Amino acid sequence: MIEIILLIQEIGAPGFLQDAGYTTRKDGLGAAVIQRILTEVFLRKQDMPEWLNDTITLQGGASQTVERFNKIRSTINDGLGAQKGLTNPSLQAFQRWETDLVFIDEYLKEMTIVYPA
């Protein structure tokens, strides 16, 4: 378990966001690039192989849906929770995830399509 937490600390939240290029790595991507990646994942605008896109849809729901929104938010919260559990957490990663959650809540949430039941 410790190794997984250290890996998350090193490379960021695992899963489909990481596959799309998302990272909280120190000296990594700037906020604008991270926000673009999050938006592209949410809207399904990434240039990626079809198999990866299918995997993302299976893992996180269709683009612009509540399921995709919740999956993105949950993935970032997983990384944030792992950091909070460390005795010496990465302040930089913690701040990045917090900033990304604010962006998601303030920007991506407005673009979510809710389909009638």
C-alpha atoms as a PDB file:
ATOM      1  CA  MET A   1       0.000   0.000   0.000  1.00  0.00           C
ATOM      2  CA  ILE A   2       2.832   2.372   0.831  1.00  0.00           C
ATOM      3  CA  GLU A   3       4.295   1.815  -2.658  1.00  0.00           C
ATOM      4  CA  ILE A   4       0.987   2.782  -4.303  1.00  0.00           C
ATOM      5  CA  ILE A   5       0.753   5.947  -2.221  1.00  0.00           C
ATOM      6  CA  LEU A   6       4.330   6.853  -3.131  1.00  0.00           C
ATOM      7  CA  LEU A   7       3.562   6.212  -6.806  1.00  0.00           C
ATOM      8  CA  ILE A   8       0.502   8.488  -6.611  1.00  0.00           C
ATOM      9  CA  GLN A   9       2.668  11.116  -4.931  1.00  0.00           C
ATOM     10  CA  GLU A  10       5.221  10.833  -7.733  1.00  0.00           C
ATOM     11  CA  ILE A  11       3.007  10.738 -10.829  1.00  0.00           C
ATOM     12  CA  GLY A  12      -0.441  11.900  -9.770  1.00  0.00           C
ATOM     13  CA  ALA A  13      -3.875  10.364  -9.639  1.00  0.00           C
ATOM     14  CA  PRO A  14      -4.009   7.029 -11.472  1.00  0.00           C
ATOM     15  CA  GLY A  15      -6.316   5.938 -14.249  1.00  0.00           C
ATOM     16  CA  PHE A  16      -7.896   7.582 -17.200  1.00  0.00           C
ATOM     17  CA  LEU A  17      -6.776  11.111 -16.291  1.00  0.00           C
ATOM     18  CA  GLN A  18      -3.177   9.972 -16.176  1.00  0.00           C
ATOM     19  CA  ASP A  19      -3.666   8.217 -19.531  1.00  0.00           C
ATOM     20  CA  ALA A  20      -4.788  11.572 -20.953  1.00  0.00           C
ATOM     21  CA  GLY A  21      -1.652  13.324 -19.663  1.00  0.00           C
ATOM     22  CA  TYR A  22      -2.874  14.625 -16.290  1.00  0.00           C
ATOM     23  CA  THR A  23      -0.189  14.868 -13.629  1.00  0.00           C
ATOM     24  CA  THR A  24       0.597  16.771 -10.451  1.00  0.00           C
ATOM     25  CA  ARG A  25       4.302  16.131 -10.802  1.00  0.00           C
ATOM     26  CA  LYS A  26       6.536  18.869  -9.433  1.00  0.00           C
ATOM     27  CA  ASP A  27       7.804  21.057 -12.279  1.00  0.00           C
ATOM     28  CA  GLY A  28       5.121  19.421 -14.433  1.00  0.00           C
ATOM     29  CA  LEU A  29       2.331  20.945 -16.442  1.00  0.00           C
ATOM     30  CA  GLY A  30       0.982  24.427 -15.782  1.00  0.00           C
ATOM     31  CA  ALA A  31      -2.546  25.131 -14.580  1.00  0.00           C
ATOM     32  CA  ALA A  32      -3.811  26.103 -18.048  1.00  0.00           C
ATOM     33  CA  VAL A  33      -2.589  22.821 -19.560  1.00  0.00           C
ATOM     34  CA  ILE A  34      -4.064  20.790 -16.703  1.00  0.00           C
ATOM     35  CA  GLN A  35      -7.399  22.578 -17.105  1.00  0.00           C
ATOM     36  CA  ARG A  36      -7.330  21.906 -20.845  1.00  0.00           C
ATOM     37  CA  ILE A  37      -6.702  18.195 -20.203  1.00  0.00           C
ATOM     38  CA  LEU A  38      -9.551  18.018 -17.682  1.00  0.00           C
ATOM     39  CA  THR A  39     -11.882  19.796 -20.105  1.00  0.00           C
ATOM     40  CA  GLU A  40     -10.862  17.578 -23.024  1.00  0.00           C
ATOM     41  CA  VAL A  41     -11.372  14.419 -20.957  1.00  0.00           C
ATOM     42  CA  PHE A  42     -14.789  15.656 -19.857  1.00  0.00           C
ATOM     43  CA  LEU A  43     -15.846  16.650 -23.380  1.00  0.00           C
ATOM     44  CA  ARG A  44     -14.074  13.718 -25.111  1.00  0.00           C
ATOM     45  CA  LYS A  45     -11.949  15.968 -27.273  1.00  0.00           C
ATOM     46  CA  GLN A  46      -8.616  14.220 -26.823  1.00  0.00           C
ATOM     47  CA  ASP A  47      -6.706  12.933 -29.793  1.00  0.00           C
ATOM     48  CA  MET A  48      -6.282   9.304 -28.749  1.00  0.00           C
ATOM     49  CA  PRO A  49      -6.685   5.800 -30.104  1.00  0.00           C
ATOM     50  CA  GLU A  50     -10.273   4.547 -30.205  1.00  0.00           C
ATOM     51  CA  TRP A  51      -9.480   1.691 -27.782  1.00  0.00           C
ATOM     52  CA  LEU A  52      -8.344   4.221 -25.152  1.00  0.00           C
ATOM     53  CA  ASN A  53     -11.411   6.352 -25.708  1.00  0.00           C
ATOM     54  CA  ASP A  54     -13.609   3.258 -25.297  1.00  0.00           C
ATOM     55  CA  THR A  55     -11.764   2.435 -22.064  1.00  0.00           C
ATOM     56  CA  ILE A  56     -12.324   5.954 -20.742  1.00  0.00           C
ATOM     57  CA  THR A  57     -16.035   5.708 -21.569  1.00  0.00           C
ATOM     58  CA  LEU A  58     -16.242   2.365 -19.742  1.00  0.00           C
ATOM     59  CA  GLN A  59     -14.351   3.714 -16.713  1.00  0.00           C
ATOM     60  CA  GLY A  60     -15.937   7.132 -16.515  1.00  0.00           C
ATOM     61  CA  GLY A  61     -19.162   7.303 -18.487  1.00  0.00           C
ATOM     62  CA  ALA A  62     -19.971   9.139 -21.699  1.00  0.00           C
ATOM     63  CA  SER A  63     -18.708  12.661 -22.290  1.00  0.00           C
ATOM     64  CA  GLN A  64     -20.434  15.536 -20.517  1.00  0.00           C
ATOM     65  CA  THR A  65     -22.473  13.232 -18.283  1.00  0.00           C
ATOM     66  CA  VAL A  66     -22.856  13.293 -14.532  1.00  0.00           C
ATOM     67  CA  GLU A  67     -21.033   9.946 -14.471  1.00  0.00           C
ATOM     68  CA  ARG A  68     -17.988  11.405 -16.256  1.00  0.00           C
ATOM     69  CA  PHE A  69     -18.026  14.489 -14.015  1.00  0.00           C
ATOM     70  CA  ASN A  70     -18.176  12.305 -10.898  1.00  0.00           C
ATOM     71  CA  LYS A  71     -15.438   9.983 -12.186  1.00  0.00           C
ATOM     72  CA  ILE A  72     -13.053  12.883 -12.826  1.00  0.00           C
ATOM     73  CA  ARG A  73     -13.816  14.368  -9.422  1.00  0.00           C
ATOM     74  CA  SER A  74     -13.465  10.975  -7.711  1.00  0.00           C
ATOM     75  CA  THR A  75     -10.128  10.274  -9.407  1.00  0.00           C
ATOM     76  CA  ILE A  76      -8.690  13.570  -8.184  1.00  0.00           C
ATOM     77  CA  ASN A  77     -10.139  13.011  -4.704  1.00  0.00           C
ATOM     78  CA  ASP A  78      -8.396   9.613  -4.588  1.00  0.00           C
ATOM     79  CA  GLY A  79      -5.044  11.302  -5.112  1.00  0.00           C
ATOM     80  CA  LEU A  80      -5.887  13.999  -2.611  1.00  0.00           C
ATOM     81  CA  GLY A  81      -6.943  11.431  -0.013  1.00  0.00           C
ATOM     82  CA  ALA A  82      -3.729   9.487  -0.514  1.00  0.00           C
ATOM     83  CA  GLN A  83      -1.708  12.656   0.090  1.00  0.00           C
ATOM     84  CA  LYS A  84      -3.647  13.488   3.242  1.00  0.00           C
ATOM     85  CA  GLY A  85      -2.790  10.025   4.569  1.00  0.00           C
ATOM     86  CA  LEU A  86       0.966  10.540   4.260  1.00  0.00           C
ATOM     87  CA  THR A  87       3.110  11.688   7.161  1.00  0.00           C
ATOM     88  CA  ASN A  88       5.049  13.978   4.809  1.00  0.00           C
ATOM     89  CA  PRO A  89       2.550  14.939   2.064  1.00  0.00           C
ATOM     90  CA  SER A  90       3.498  16.821  -1.078  1.00  0.00           C
ATOM     91  CA  LEU A  91       2.148  20.339  -0.552  1.00  0.00           C
ATOM     92  CA  GLN A  92       2.514  21.030  -4.273  1.00  0.00           C
ATOM     93  CA  ALA A  93       0.387  18.002  -5.274  1.00  0.00           C
ATOM     94  CA  PHE A  94      -2.145  18.793  -2.568  1.00  0.00           C
ATOM     95  CA  GLN A  95      -2.517  22.379  -3.794  1.00  0.00           C
ATOM     96  CA  ARG A  96      -2.778  21.265  -7.432  1.00  0.00           C
ATOM     97  CA  TRP A  97      -5.566  18.787  -6.666  1.00  0.00           C
ATOM     98  CA  GLU A  98      -7.438  21.382  -4.584  1.00  0.00           C
ATOM     99  CA  THR A  99      -7.154  23.911  -7.441  1.00  0.00           C
ATOM    100  CA  ASP A 100      -8.309  21.297  -9.954  1.00  0.00           C
ATOM    101  CA  LEU A 101     -11.355  20.436  -7.839  1.00  0.00           C
ATOM    102  CA  VAL A 102     -12.341  24.118  -7.734  1.00  0.00           C
ATOM    103  CA  PHE A 103     -11.948  24.318 -11.524  1.00  0.00           C
ATOM    104  CA  ILE A 104     -14.077  21.204 -11.997  1.00  0.00           C
ATOM    105  CA  ASP A 105     -16.801  22.475  -9.679  1.00  0.00           C
ATOM    106  CA  GLU A 106     -16.869  25.985 -11.129  1.00  0.00           C
ATOM    107  CA  TYR A 107     -16.397  25.221 -14.827  1.00  0.00           C
ATOM    108  CA  LEU A 108     -17.023  21.620 -15.841  1.00  0.00           C
ATOM    109  CA  LYS A 109     -20.119  21.217 -13.697  1.00  0.00           C
ATOM    110  CA  GLU A 110     -21.856  23.901 -15.787  1.00  0.00           C
ATOM    111  CA  MET A 111     -21.290  21.836 -18.953  1.00  0.00           C
ATOM    112  CA  THR A 112     -22.739  18.614 -17.510  1.00  0.00           C
ATOM    113  CA  ILE A 113     -25.710  17.247 -19.414  1.00  0.00           C
ATOM    114  CA  VAL A 114     -28.300  15.530 -17.252  1.00  0.00           C
ATOM    115  CA  TYR A 115     -30.353  13.054 -19.222  1.00  0.00           C
ATOM    116  CA  PRO A 116     -33.958  12.395 -18.131  1.00  0.00           C
ATOM    117  CA  ALA A 117     -34.510   9.045 -16.452  1.00  0.00           C
END
